[in-house]
């Protein structure tokens, strides 16, 4: 407990008669009596205040939270006392994070289960925990602040953005992936295995029209084909220092990991096999091939605590380990970020080594601050020089990436925020064109 300002003001007022004690002795005696009365009143206030021990507290939160997204936390209360209590509540969420609707005030009625909700946005993947819940209440007459805390530790795991996986799953079930920005038009009707007949839709190729069915139904009918299944997708995730760069508080590595998980889910739903290798100067994690849409949780559990390392990546090692671990032809998706022209040249030589017998798709995350600087308007000669230098760097990297593409590699040069959508669209395009 702690005295409030109101109690301090009362004692200050009770001591005013002491100032008159030198000229009026009776005032000093009255001051002593008043101070005793204030002290007695404060003790009575403390005794009459209900105990916070009468409040039961329970936290309800998922064992798995998503990094960078809003997660709901519910705190339950049960007032076992006989009078209503107005309390101030604060929780200790897993750090680092941002939270809203916390702390909060709530009035608890006797023998009634009540709850309040706040939201937390974790900023770091891996294992973490909720800690204590703090309770605070005014005394009956407002002279004291009463405190209590409950050590309600809860271990949690903070995964990559699994809410995005659930969103893609919902759209996929409704055949509405285009709403997420994923281009589906080239997939329909371009497989080799016949699936069904359906009504003609704008954008269908004329060669897909079934003229016999059209004559019977007196409307255009198209043949729909499904793409090949049981193909292999291997993700190579760069865990080196270049992936530590951040855009809007989210590292390139987190963007790449989220994109790999989302594409893995789409590929598993397509009937393909998915595996993942994370490398820096050594192999940090290897996830053997998995199959089936339900296996996405297994993949997430094995990679949720991966973090980039402030070391230079060994791209030659990536190529050698790929050849050792998987010789069957696969779509190899390399997720990386090139710091400069020298870095990109070294990376390009390793990518060329991966081409046989695989189909290599290399996704490069752009340097957002550099591009923003290039597109800014100069106000001084110094800024003009900086903008020109930024433009030269971006132009040189663009030419090198274009050279990689001409050498037979599939290349995706994208902003970090668009990586997931563009990567899934490119995968569906590869499947539709039967490149694998």
Foldseek 3Di string as FASTA:
>chain_A
DFFDVVLVVQLVVLCVLVVVCVVPVVSNVSSVVSNVVSVVVVVVLVVPFDDPVQKDKDKDFDQEAAAQDKGKIKIKIARQDAAKFKKWKAWADWPDKDKPPPGDIDIHHHGDIDMDMIIIHHHAFFKTKIFKMKIWGATPVRGDIDIDMDGPIDIHGYFHHCVVLVVCVVCVVVVNNVVVVADQLLQWAQADAWDDKDADDPSDDPVQWDVVVCVVVVGTIGITGAFDAAAEEEEEQEQEPQQQDDDPSHTLSSLVVNLLLNLVLVNLVSRYWYWYWYFACHTPDTGPIDHHNVCSVVVRVRPRNDHHDHHHGDLLNVQVVCVVPDQPEHEYEYEGEAPFDVSLVNNLVSQVSNVVPYAYEYEYADDVVLVVLLPDDDDDPVSVVSNVVSVVGVVSVVVSQVVSVVVRHHYHYDHSVCSNSVVNNVVSNCRSVVVD
